[in-house]
C-alpha atoms as a PDB file:
ATOM      1  CA  UNK A   1       3.735   6.316  24.272  1.00  0.00           C
ATOM      2  CA  UNK A   2       2.706   2.668  23.937  1.00  0.00           C
ATOM      3  CA  UNK A   3       3.809   0.238  21.471  1.00  0.00           C
ATOM      4  CA  UNK A   4       1.582  -0.641  18.233  1.00  0.00           C
ATOM      5  CA  UNK A   5       1.083  -4.216  17.044  1.00  0.00           C
ATOM      6  CA  UNK A   6       0.534  -4.340  13.100  1.00  0.00           C
ATOM      7  CA  UNK A   7      -0.301  -7.046  11.072  1.00  0.00           C
ATOM      8  CA  UNK A   8       0.598  -7.246   7.304  1.00  0.00           C
ATOM      9  CA  UNK A   9      -1.737  -9.468   5.211  1.00  0.00           C
ATOM     10  CA  UNK A  10      -0.333 -11.174   2.184  1.00  0.00           C
ATOM     11  CA  UNK A  11      -2.229 -13.758   0.064  1.00  0.00           C
ATOM     12  CA  UNK A  12      -2.998 -14.996  -3.331  1.00  0.00           C
ATOM     13  CA  UNK A  13      -6.172 -13.959  -5.312  1.00  0.00           C
ATOM     14  CA  UNK A  14      -7.980 -16.064  -7.542  1.00  0.00           C
ATOM     15  CA  UNK A  15     -11.001 -15.382 -10.098  1.00  0.00           C
ATOM     16  CA  UNK A  16     -13.864 -15.598  -7.422  1.00  0.00           C
ATOM     17  CA  UNK A  17     -14.299 -12.116  -5.725  1.00  0.00           C
ATOM     18  CA  UNK A  18     -16.426 -13.757  -2.902  1.00  0.00           C
ATOM     19  CA  UNK A  19     -13.899 -16.085  -2.285  1.00  0.00           C
ATOM     20  CA  UNK A  20     -10.932 -13.405  -2.270  1.00  0.00           C
ATOM     21  CA  UNK A  21     -12.845 -11.575   0.346  1.00  0.00           C
ATOM     22  CA  UNK A  22     -13.549 -14.514   2.298  1.00  0.00           C
ATOM     23  CA  UNK A  23      -9.617 -15.117   2.245  1.00  0.00           C
ATOM     24  CA  UNK A  24      -8.991 -11.572   3.260  1.00  0.00           C
ATOM     25  CA  UNK A  25     -11.433 -11.671   6.223  1.00  0.00           C
ATOM     26  CA  UNK A  26      -9.857 -15.224   7.625  1.00  0.00           C
ATOM     27  CA  UNK A  27      -6.704 -13.545   7.453  1.00  0.00           C
ATOM     28  CA  UNK A  28      -7.840 -10.503   9.419  1.00  0.00           C
ATOM     29  CA  UNK A  29      -9.353 -12.645  11.849  1.00  0.00           C
ATOM     30  CA  UNK A  30      -6.195 -14.478  12.582  1.00  0.00           C
ATOM     31  CA  UNK A  31      -4.284 -11.153  12.930  1.00  0.00           C
ATOM     32  CA  UNK A  32      -6.637  -9.906  15.393  1.00  0.00           C
ATOM     33  CA  UNK A  33      -6.589 -13.056  17.290  1.00  0.00           C
ATOM     34  CA  UNK A  34      -2.515 -12.663  17.641  1.00  0.00           C
ATOM     35  CA  UNK A  35      -3.154  -9.162  18.820  1.00  0.00           C
ATOM     36  CA  UNK A  36      -2.948  -6.780  16.065  1.00  0.00           C
ATOM     37  CA  UNK A  37      -4.630  -3.477  16.150  1.00  0.00           C
ATOM     38  CA  UNK A  38      -3.729  -2.196  12.809  1.00  0.00           C
ATOM     39  CA  UNK A  39      -4.205  -4.651   9.794  1.00  0.00           C
ATOM     40  CA  UNK A  40      -3.130  -3.981   6.289  1.00  0.00           C
ATOM     41  CA  UNK A  41      -4.287  -5.716   3.353  1.00  0.00           C
ATOM     42  CA  UNK A  42      -2.427  -5.932  -0.213  1.00  0.00           C
ATOM     43  CA  UNK A  43      -3.556  -3.795  -3.292  1.00  0.00           C
ATOM     44  CA  UNK A  44      -6.627  -4.791  -5.048  1.00  0.00           C
ATOM     45  CA  UNK A  45      -7.008  -7.850  -2.811  1.00  0.00           C
ATOM     46  CA  UNK A  46     -10.662  -8.548  -3.974  1.00  0.00           C
ATOM     47  CA  UNK A  47      -9.711  -9.856  -7.545  1.00  0.00           C
ATOM     48  CA  UNK A  48      -6.757 -11.063  -9.603  1.00  0.00           C
ATOM     49  CA  UNK A  49      -4.663  -8.248 -10.795  1.00  0.00           C
ATOM     50  CA  UNK A  50      -6.654  -7.305 -13.817  1.00  0.00           C
ATOM     51  CA  UNK A  51      -4.656  -4.387 -15.238  1.00  0.00           C
ATOM     52  CA  UNK A  52      -2.381  -7.014 -17.322  1.00  0.00           C
ATOM     53  CA  UNK A  53      -4.914  -6.222 -20.185  1.00  0.00           C
ATOM     54  CA  UNK A  54      -7.241  -3.435 -21.373  1.00  0.00           C
ATOM     55  CA  UNK A  55     -10.795  -4.662 -21.411  1.00  0.00           C
ATOM     56  CA  UNK A  56     -13.844  -2.309 -20.918  1.00  0.00           C
ATOM     57  CA  UNK A  57     -15.631  -5.352 -19.095  1.00  0.00           C
ATOM     58  CA  UNK A  58     -13.555  -5.123 -16.362  1.00  0.00           C
ATOM     59  CA  UNK A  59     -14.986  -2.023 -15.249  1.00  0.00           C
ATOM     60  CA  UNK A  60     -17.501  -4.182 -13.708  1.00  0.00           C
ATOM     61  CA  UNK A  61     -15.256  -4.996 -10.841  1.00  0.00           C
ATOM     62  CA  UNK A  62     -15.535  -1.431  -9.461  1.00  0.00           C
ATOM     63  CA  UNK A  63     -17.565  -0.691  -6.470  1.00  0.00           C
ATOM     64  CA  UNK A  64     -18.920   2.523  -4.927  1.00  0.00           C
ATOM     65  CA  UNK A  65     -17.487   3.794  -1.576  1.00  0.00           C
ATOM     66  CA  UNK A  66     -19.671   3.037   0.825  1.00  0.00           C
ATOM     67  CA  UNK A  67     -20.280  -0.506  -0.947  1.00  0.00           C
ATOM     68  CA  UNK A  68     -19.666  -4.174  -0.505  1.00  0.00           C
ATOM     69  CA  UNK A  69     -16.232  -3.907   0.790  1.00  0.00           C
ATOM     70  CA  UNK A  70     -16.547  -1.108   3.101  1.00  0.00           C
ATOM     71  CA  UNK A  71     -19.741  -2.852   4.560  1.00  0.00           C
ATOM     72  CA  UNK A  72     -18.301  -6.203   5.024  1.00  0.00           C
ATOM     73  CA  UNK A  73     -14.860  -5.055   6.330  1.00  0.00           C
ATOM     74  CA  UNK A  74     -16.611  -2.123   8.460  1.00  0.00           C
ATOM     75  CA  UNK A  75     -18.738  -4.865  10.017  1.00  0.00           C
ATOM     76  CA  UNK A  76     -15.463  -6.914  10.728  1.00  0.00           C
ATOM     77  CA  UNK A  77     -13.567  -3.977  12.148  1.00  0.00           C
ATOM     78  CA  UNK A  78     -16.343  -3.252  14.411  1.00  0.00           C
ATOM     79  CA  UNK A  79     -16.702  -6.912  15.559  1.00  0.00           C
ATOM     80  CA  UNK A  80     -12.814  -7.353  16.339  1.00  0.00           C
ATOM     81  CA  UNK A  81     -11.956  -3.837  17.259  1.00  0.00           C
ATOM     82  CA  UNK A  82      -9.347  -3.366  14.826  1.00  0.00           C
ATOM     83  CA  UNK A  83      -8.279  -0.573  12.354  1.00  0.00           C
ATOM     84  CA  UNK A  84      -8.047  -1.968   8.729  1.00  0.00           C
ATOM     85  CA  UNK A  85      -6.401  -0.588   5.627  1.00  0.00           C
ATOM     86  CA  UNK A  86      -7.996  -2.363   2.665  1.00  0.00           C
ATOM     87  CA  UNK A  87      -7.814  -1.257  -1.229  1.00  0.00           C
ATOM     88  CA  UNK A  88     -10.225  -1.541  -3.846  1.00  0.00           C
ATOM     89  CA  UNK A  89     -11.181  -0.383  -7.313  1.00  0.00           C
ATOM     90  CA  UNK A  90     -13.388   2.541  -6.674  1.00  0.00           C
ATOM     91  CA  UNK A  91     -16.383   3.580  -8.946  1.00  0.00           C
ATOM     92  CA  UNK A  92     -16.681   7.127  -8.306  1.00  0.00           C
ATOM     93  CA  UNK A  93     -19.329   7.613 -11.154  1.00  0.00           C
ATOM     94  CA  UNK A  94     -19.789   6.119 -14.724  1.00  0.00           C
ATOM     95  CA  UNK A  95     -16.369   6.310 -16.529  1.00  0.00           C
ATOM     96  CA  UNK A  96     -14.580   7.586 -13.561  1.00  0.00           C
ATOM     97  CA  UNK A  97     -12.653   5.099 -11.351  1.00  0.00           C
ATOM     98  CA  UNK A  98      -9.855   4.990  -8.830  1.00  0.00           C
ATOM     99  CA  UNK A  99      -7.407   2.891  -7.104  1.00  0.00           C
ATOM    100  CA  UNK A 100      -8.098   3.603  -3.431  1.00  0.00           C
ATOM    101  CA  UNK A 101      -7.090   2.511  -0.286  1.00  0.00           C
ATOM    102  CA  UNK A 102      -9.526   3.004   2.506  1.00  0.00           C
ATOM    103  CA  UNK A 103      -9.111   3.090   6.188  1.00  0.00           C
ATOM    104  CA  UNK A 104     -11.748   1.599   8.511  1.00  0.00           C
ATOM    105  CA  UNK A 105     -11.678   2.544  12.164  1.00  0.00           C
ATOM    106  CA  UNK A 106     -12.073   0.040  14.946  1.00  0.00           C
ATOM    107  CA  UNK A 107     -15.923   1.180  15.349  1.00  0.00           C
ATOM    108  CA  UNK A 108     -16.376   0.408  11.727  1.00  0.00           C
ATOM    109  CA  UNK A 109     -16.789   3.802  10.371  1.00  0.00           C
ATOM    110  CA  UNK A 110     -14.748   5.281   7.210  1.00  0.00           C
ATOM    111  CA  UNK A 111     -11.687   7.172   8.832  1.00  0.00           C
ATOM    112  CA  UNK A 112     -10.674   8.261   5.502  1.00  0.00           C
ATOM    113  CA  UNK A 113      -9.464   7.336   1.726  1.00  0.00           C
ATOM    114  CA  UNK A 114      -6.629   7.800  -0.405  1.00  0.00           C
ATOM    115  CA  UNK A 115      -6.643   7.632  -4.240  1.00  0.00           C
ATOM    116  CA  UNK A 116      -3.526   6.344  -5.845  1.00  0.00           C
ATOM    117  CA  UNK A 117      -1.696   9.295  -7.385  1.00  0.00           C
ATOM    118  CA  UNK A 118       0.914   7.864  -9.546  1.00  0.00           C
ATOM    119  CA  UNK A 119      -0.444   5.765 -12.155  1.00  0.00           C
ATOM    120  CA  UNK A 120       1.744   3.322 -14.064  1.00  0.00           C
ATOM    121  CA  UNK A 121       1.403   2.278 -17.751  1.00  0.00           C
ATOM    122  CA  UNK A 122       3.761  -0.489 -18.513  1.00  0.00           C
ATOM    123  CA  UNK A 123       3.486  -4.007 -20.103  1.00  0.00           C
ATOM    124  CA  UNK A 124       1.522  -6.165 -17.955  1.00  0.00           C
ATOM    125  CA  UNK A 125       0.462  -2.995 -15.670  1.00  0.00           C
ATOM    126  CA  UNK A 126      -1.951  -1.034 -17.846  1.00  0.00           C
ATOM    127  CA  UNK A 127      -3.304   1.109 -15.074  1.00  0.00           C
ATOM    128  CA  UNK A 128      -3.691   4.332 -16.624  1.00  0.00           C
ATOM    129  CA  UNK A 129      -6.466   2.603 -18.781  1.00  0.00           C
ATOM    130  CA  UNK A 130      -8.464   1.810 -15.607  1.00  0.00           C
ATOM    131  CA  UNK A 131      -7.480   4.574 -13.028  1.00  0.00           C
ATOM    132  CA  UNK A 132      -7.954   8.299 -12.795  1.00  0.00           C
ATOM    133  CA  UNK A 133      -4.892   9.812 -10.638  1.00  0.00           C
ATOM    134  CA  UNK A 134      -6.011  10.637  -7.457  1.00  0.00           C
ATOM    135  CA  UNK A 135      -7.405  13.865  -6.095  1.00  0.00           C
ATOM    136  CA  UNK A 136      -7.158  13.522  -2.207  1.00  0.00           C
ATOM    137  CA  UNK A 137      -3.547  14.782  -2.096  1.00  0.00           C
ATOM    138  CA  UNK A 138      -0.949  13.603   0.451  1.00  0.00           C
ATOM    139  CA  UNK A 139      -3.147  13.832   3.671  1.00  0.00           C
ATOM    140  CA  UNK A 140      -2.675  11.346   6.473  1.00  0.00           C
ATOM    141  CA  UNK A 141      -5.730   9.717   7.838  1.00  0.00           C
ATOM    142  CA  UNK A 142      -6.456  10.203  11.509  1.00  0.00           C
ATOM    143  CA  UNK A 143      -7.333   6.823  13.432  1.00  0.00           C
ATOM    144  CA  UNK A 144      -7.011   5.509  16.898  1.00  0.00           C
ATOM    145  CA  UNK A 145      -3.609   3.956  16.363  1.00  0.00           C
ATOM    146  CA  UNK A 146      -2.283   7.251  14.783  1.00  0.00           C
ATOM    147  CA  UNK A 147      -2.033   9.255  11.691  1.00  0.00           C
ATOM    148  CA  UNK A 148      -1.621   6.923   8.716  1.00  0.00           C
ATOM    149  CA  UNK A 149       0.130   8.276   5.589  1.00  0.00           C
ATOM    150  CA  UNK A 150      -1.498   5.681   3.257  1.00  0.00           C
ATOM    151  CA  UNK A 151      -0.509   5.465  -0.298  1.00  0.00           C
ATOM    152  CA  UNK A 152      -0.664   2.770  -3.007  1.00  0.00           C
ATOM    153  CA  UNK A 153       1.805   0.609  -4.658  1.00  0.00           C
ATOM    154  CA  UNK A 154       3.497   2.630  -7.530  1.00  0.00           C
ATOM    155  CA  UNK A 155       3.437   5.718  -5.289  1.00  0.00           C
ATOM    156  CA  UNK A 156       6.169   3.882  -3.015  1.00  0.00           C
ATOM    157  CA  UNK A 157       8.954   4.619  -5.575  1.00  0.00           C
ATOM    158  CA  UNK A 158       8.368   8.367  -5.072  1.00  0.00           C
ATOM    159  CA  UNK A 159      10.026  10.242  -2.346  1.00  0.00           C
ATOM    160  CA  UNK A 160       7.900  13.175  -2.772  1.00  0.00           C
ATOM    161  CA  UNK A 161       4.726  11.468  -1.322  1.00  0.00           C
ATOM    162  CA  UNK A 162       6.520  10.136   1.449  1.00  0.00           C
ATOM    163  CA  UNK A 163       7.935  13.544   2.563  1.00  0.00           C
ATOM    164  CA  UNK A 164       4.608  15.387   1.967  1.00  0.00           C
ATOM    165  CA  UNK A 165       3.025  12.831   4.226  1.00  0.00           C
ATOM    166  CA  UNK A 166       5.510  13.099   7.076  1.00  0.00           C
ATOM    167  CA  UNK A 167       5.207  16.983   6.525  1.00  0.00           C
ATOM    168  CA  UNK A 168       1.790  16.534   7.300  1.00  0.00           C
ATOM    169  CA  UNK A 169       2.391  14.675  10.545  1.00  0.00           C
ATOM    170  CA  UNK A 170       1.864  11.037   9.414  1.00  0.00           C
ATOM    171  CA  UNK A 171       3.138   8.746  12.229  1.00  0.00           C
ATOM    172  CA  UNK A 172       3.385   5.720   9.750  1.00  0.00           C
ATOM    173  CA  UNK A 173       3.839   5.201   6.008  1.00  0.00           C
ATOM    174  CA  UNK A 174       1.596   2.563   4.773  1.00  0.00           C
ATOM    175  CA  UNK A 175       1.706   1.044   1.093  1.00  0.00           C
ATOM    176  CA  UNK A 176      -0.507  -1.755   0.197  1.00  0.00           C
ATOM    177  CA  UNK A 177       1.162  -3.197  -2.936  1.00  0.00           C
ATOM    178  CA  UNK A 178       0.649  -5.798  -5.772  1.00  0.00           C
ATOM    179  CA  UNK A 179       4.318  -6.053  -7.543  1.00  0.00           C
ATOM    180  CA  UNK A 180       5.950  -9.068  -9.416  1.00  0.00           C
ATOM    181  CA  UNK A 181       8.356 -10.347 -11.702  1.00  0.00           C
ATOM    182  CA  UNK A 182       7.949 -11.423 -15.140  1.00  0.00           C
ATOM    183  CA  UNK A 183       8.247 -15.056 -15.217  1.00  0.00           C
ATOM    184  CA  UNK A 184      11.446 -16.032 -17.158  1.00  0.00           C
ATOM    185  CA  UNK A 185      13.587 -12.815 -16.345  1.00  0.00           C
ATOM    186  CA  UNK A 186      16.781 -13.901 -15.088  1.00  0.00           C
ATOM    187  CA  UNK A 187      17.094 -14.627 -11.543  1.00  0.00           C
ATOM    188  CA  UNK A 188      19.767 -11.812 -10.800  1.00  0.00           C
ATOM    189  CA  UNK A 189      17.295  -9.247 -12.601  1.00  0.00           C
ATOM    190  CA  UNK A 190      14.280 -10.358 -10.355  1.00  0.00           C
ATOM    191  CA  UNK A 191      16.685 -10.092  -7.279  1.00  0.00           C
ATOM    192  CA  UNK A 192      17.341  -6.611  -8.432  1.00  0.00           C
ATOM    193  CA  UNK A 193      14.022  -5.355  -8.847  1.00  0.00           C
ATOM    194  CA  UNK A 194      12.938  -6.717  -5.373  1.00  0.00           C
ATOM    195  CA  UNK A 195      16.051  -5.346  -3.488  1.00  0.00           C
ATOM    196  CA  UNK A 196      15.400  -1.883  -5.391  1.00  0.00           C
ATOM    197  CA  UNK A 197      11.635  -1.974  -4.097  1.00  0.00           C
ATOM    198  CA  UNK A 198      12.847  -2.791  -0.522  1.00  0.00           C
ATOM    199  CA  UNK A 199      15.544  -0.256  -0.578  1.00  0.00           C
ATOM    200  CA  UNK A 200      13.542   2.769  -1.824  1.00  0.00           C
ATOM    201  CA  UNK A 201      11.000   2.380   1.130  1.00  0.00           C
ATOM    202  CA  UNK A 202      13.785   1.950   3.613  1.00  0.00           C
ATOM    203  CA  UNK A 203      14.905   5.434   2.260  1.00  0.00           C
ATOM    204  CA  UNK A 204      11.585   6.747   2.928  1.00  0.00           C
ATOM    205  CA  UNK A 205      11.672   5.714   6.592  1.00  0.00           C
ATOM    206  CA  UNK A 206      15.433   7.022   6.836  1.00  0.00           C
ATOM    207  CA  UNK A 207      14.581  10.333   5.237  1.00  0.00           C
ATOM    208  CA  UNK A 208      11.387  11.012   7.207  1.00  0.00           C
ATOM    209  CA  UNK A 209      12.280   9.131  10.460  1.00  0.00           C
ATOM    210  CA  UNK A 210       8.820   7.244  10.485  1.00  0.00           C
ATOM    211  CA  UNK A 211       8.068   3.447  10.467  1.00  0.00           C
ATOM    212  CA  UNK A 212       6.925   2.028   6.830  1.00  0.00           C
ATOM    213  CA  UNK A 213       4.647  -0.932   6.623  1.00  0.00           C
ATOM    214  CA  UNK A 214       4.229  -2.559   3.016  1.00  0.00           C
ATOM    215  CA  UNK A 215       2.229  -5.499   2.021  1.00  0.00           C
ATOM    216  CA  UNK A 216       2.191  -7.508  -1.207  1.00  0.00           C
ATOM    217  CA  UNK A 217       0.113 -10.450  -2.773  1.00  0.00           C
ATOM    218  CA  UNK A 218       1.661 -13.766  -3.737  1.00  0.00           C
ATOM    219  CA  UNK A 219       1.515 -16.351  -6.292  1.00  0.00           C
ATOM    220  CA  UNK A 220       1.269 -16.569 -10.057  1.00  0.00           C
ATOM    221  CA  UNK A 221      -1.584 -14.784 -12.003  1.00  0.00           C
ATOM    222  CA  UNK A 222      -1.814 -15.430 -15.732  1.00  0.00           C
ATOM    223  CA  UNK A 223      -2.594 -12.974 -18.350  1.00  0.00           C
ATOM    224  CA  UNK A 224      -5.888 -14.337 -20.062  1.00  0.00           C
ATOM    225  CA  UNK A 225      -5.015 -12.596 -23.551  1.00  0.00           C
ATOM    226  CA  UNK A 226      -1.828 -14.630 -23.516  1.00  0.00           C
ATOM    227  CA  UNK A 227      -0.057 -11.650 -24.673  1.00  0.00           C
ATOM    228  CA  UNK A 228       2.415 -11.617 -21.474  1.00  0.00           C
ATOM    229  CA  UNK A 229       3.414 -14.373 -19.444  1.00  0.00           C
ATOM    230  CA  UNK A 230       1.610 -13.002 -16.374  1.00  0.00           C
ATOM    231  CA  UNK A 231       3.224 -12.252 -13.155  1.00  0.00           C
ATOM    232  CA  UNK A 232       4.875 -13.787 -10.317  1.00  0.00           C
ATOM    233  CA  UNK A 233       3.993 -11.529  -7.186  1.00  0.00           C
ATOM    234  CA  UNK A 234       6.950 -11.892  -4.910  1.00  0.00           C
ATOM    235  CA  UNK A 235       5.174 -11.317  -1.491  1.00  0.00           C
ATOM    236  CA  UNK A 236       8.048 -10.105   0.942  1.00  0.00           C
ATOM    237  CA  UNK A 237       5.660  -7.740   2.652  1.00  0.00           C
ATOM    238  CA  UNK A 238       7.882  -6.020   5.444  1.00  0.00           C
ATOM    239  CA  UNK A 239       8.014  -3.396   7.935  1.00  0.00           C
ATOM    240  CA  UNK A 240      11.070  -1.174   8.818  1.00  0.00           C
ATOM    241  CA  UNK A 241      11.759   1.067  11.616  1.00  0.00           C
ATOM    242  CA  UNK A 242      12.485   5.066  11.676  1.00  0.00           C
ATOM    243  CA  UNK A 243      16.400   4.313  10.725  1.00  0.00           C
ATOM    244  CA  UNK A 244      15.386   1.836   7.927  1.00  0.00           C
ATOM    245  CA  UNK A 245      16.032  -1.217  10.161  1.00  0.00           C
ATOM    246  CA  UNK A 246      14.078  -4.251   8.936  1.00  0.00           C
ATOM    247  CA  UNK A 247      11.663  -5.083  11.734  1.00  0.00           C
ATOM    248  CA  UNK A 248       9.856  -7.991   9.950  1.00  0.00           C
ATOM    249  CA  UNK A 249       9.452  -9.438   6.393  1.00  0.00           C
ATOM    250  CA  UNK A 250       7.378 -12.109   5.154  1.00  0.00           C
ATOM    251  CA  UNK A 251       8.396 -14.875   2.455  1.00  0.00           C
ATOM    252  CA  UNK A 252       6.737 -15.805  -1.032  1.00  0.00           C
ATOM    253  CA  UNK A 253       3.676 -17.632   0.397  1.00  0.00           C
ATOM    254  CA  UNK A 254       0.630 -16.668   1.934  1.00  0.00           C
ATOM    255  CA  UNK A 255       1.356 -15.163   5.619  1.00  0.00           C
ATOM    256  CA  UNK A 256       0.054 -12.924   8.359  1.00  0.00           C
ATOM    257  CA  UNK A 257       3.062 -11.257   9.383  1.00  0.00           C
ATOM    258  CA  UNK A 258       3.135  -9.449  12.916  1.00  0.00           C
ATOM    259  CA  UNK A 259       5.175  -6.503  14.064  1.00  0.00           C
ATOM    260  CA  UNK A 260       5.645  -4.318  16.976  1.00  0.00           C
ATOM    261  CA  UNK A 261       6.013  -0.676  16.174  1.00  0.00           C
ATOM    262  CA  UNK A 262       7.907   1.675  18.628  1.00  0.00           C
ATOM    263  CA  UNK A 263       5.538   4.979  18.399  1.00  0.00           C
ATOM    264  CA  UNK A 264       7.995   6.772  20.647  1.00  0.00           C
ATOM    265  CA  UNK A 265      11.033   6.298  18.055  1.00  0.00           C
ATOM    266  CA  UNK A 266      10.256   8.827  15.640  1.00  0.00           C
ATOM    267  CA  UNK A 267      10.911  11.547  18.414  1.00  0.00           C
ATOM    268  CA  UNK A 268      13.940  10.159  19.574  1.00  0.00           C
ATOM    269  CA  UNK A 269      15.409   9.833  15.879  1.00  0.00           C
ATOM    270  CA  UNK A 270      14.412  13.214  14.848  1.00  0.00           C
ATOM    271  CA  UNK A 271      16.340  14.669  17.800  1.00  0.00           C
ATOM    272  CA  UNK A 272      19.652  13.271  16.584  1.00  0.00           C
ATOM    273  CA  UNK A 273      18.789  13.483  12.941  1.00  0.00           C
ATOM    274  CA  UNK A 274      16.876  16.806  12.525  1.00  0.00           C
ATOM    275  CA  UNK A 275      16.287  16.333   8.664  1.00  0.00           C
ATOM    276  CA  UNK A 276      13.134  18.193   8.952  1.00  0.00           C
ATOM    277  CA  UNK A 277      14.841  21.360  10.431  1.00  0.00           C
ATOM    278  CA  UNK A 278      17.895  21.530   7.990  1.00  0.00           C
ATOM    279  CA  UNK A 279      15.876  21.236   4.680  1.00  0.00           C
ATOM    280  CA  UNK A 280      16.302  24.195   2.284  1.00  0.00           C
ATOM    281  CA  UNK A 281      13.002  24.865   1.523  1.00  0.00           C
ATOM    282  CA  UNK A 282      13.866  28.118  -0.440  1.00  0.00           C
ATOM    283  CA  UNK A 283      16.085  26.120  -2.980  1.00  0.00           C
ATOM    284  CA  UNK A 284      13.829  23.511  -3.845  1.00  0.00           C
ATOM    285  CA  UNK A 285      11.494  25.342  -6.327  1.00  0.00           C
ATOM    286  CA  UNK A 286      12.747  23.479  -9.409  1.00  0.00           C
ATOM    287  CA  UNK A 287      11.401  20.269  -7.987  1.00  0.00           C
ATOM    288  CA  UNK A 288       8.074  21.694  -9.553  1.00  0.00           C
ATOM    289  CA  UNK A 289       9.489  21.175 -13.057  1.00  0.00           C
ATOM    290  CA  UNK A 290       9.087  17.744 -15.000  1.00  0.00           C
ATOM    291  CA  UNK A 291      12.875  18.040 -15.959  1.00  0.00           C
ATOM    292  CA  UNK A 292      15.487  20.583 -15.706  1.00  0.00           C
ATOM    293  CA  UNK A 293      16.273  20.726 -19.516  1.00  0.00           C
ATOM    294  CA  UNK A 294      19.681  22.098 -20.436  1.00  0.00           C
ATOM    295  CA  UNK A 295      19.732  25.562 -22.181  1.00  0.00           C
END
C-alpha cells in the first residue's frame, strides 16, 4: 500500500467571501503543485467566524449543496486531480442550516458530506443559534485516497465520534477546525488550551490506530458587537500517526503544510495493540446515558 501525500491548509479569513474563496483556491493550487493528493481546508473558510454573535442577517452566508462552493472547488479538484475536504455553512431549507464538511473526489464529483454533530454554545461561539445538529451519523466517506472519517471542530473533543468512525472502517480521521484563544487570557491558560486540543486528538489516533489530520484558521477576528474581545485563532494545524506521533505541525501564520501518511501503518499497529479486539462491548451500555446519577 503506497504512502499518501496530504496537505493541511491554514489561512486567515476576512469580510470578503469572494476574496476568502480565492485565498483557499490559491492555497489548494500550491498544495497540488507540491504533490498533495488529499487537501483539507479549515472550518467555515469562506467567511470570518460569524458565530461570535447572534444575528439573523448572517443566515445569508449559508449556501446550498450543490452551490457556489461545491461548483468552484469541484472544478478545481477536477482540474488538479486531487481530493478536497472543504467546510461550509449549508442552507438545507429555509430555517434549517448545518455546519457541513464536504468531500470532493478528484473528478470533481461530490463524494459525500458530514454535518457537524456536536454544536457548542459558549461566549463567542454561539453555534446553536445557527446550526442544527447533524443527521449524517458517523459514516466515513469513500474516496480514491481512502475512507475519510470527517468531523468538524467541536466534534474533535469527543472520543465517541472518533471510535464510531474507526469502527466503520475509516482510514483517516479528518477535522476542519476554527479554534482560538480569547485575547487577554494569561499565556499559561492559552498554552493549556492549545495543548489539550492537540493531546485529545493524539489520543484518538492512539485509541483507534489511525492517523489524524486537523486544520485550523489563523489571525485575529473581532466581534463586531464589541461584547467580546474577539478571537485569536492559533493555527497549529497538525497531523499525527497511528501511535499519536506528531508527523507535521504548522505555526501561527498562513501555511500549506504537507505530510506523508503511511497507509500500511494501521494494520501493523493494530496487530501489536489490538484495542478493537479487546473492547468489552457487553459492558458499555451506560455510555448511552447523559450521566450516571448516584442513587
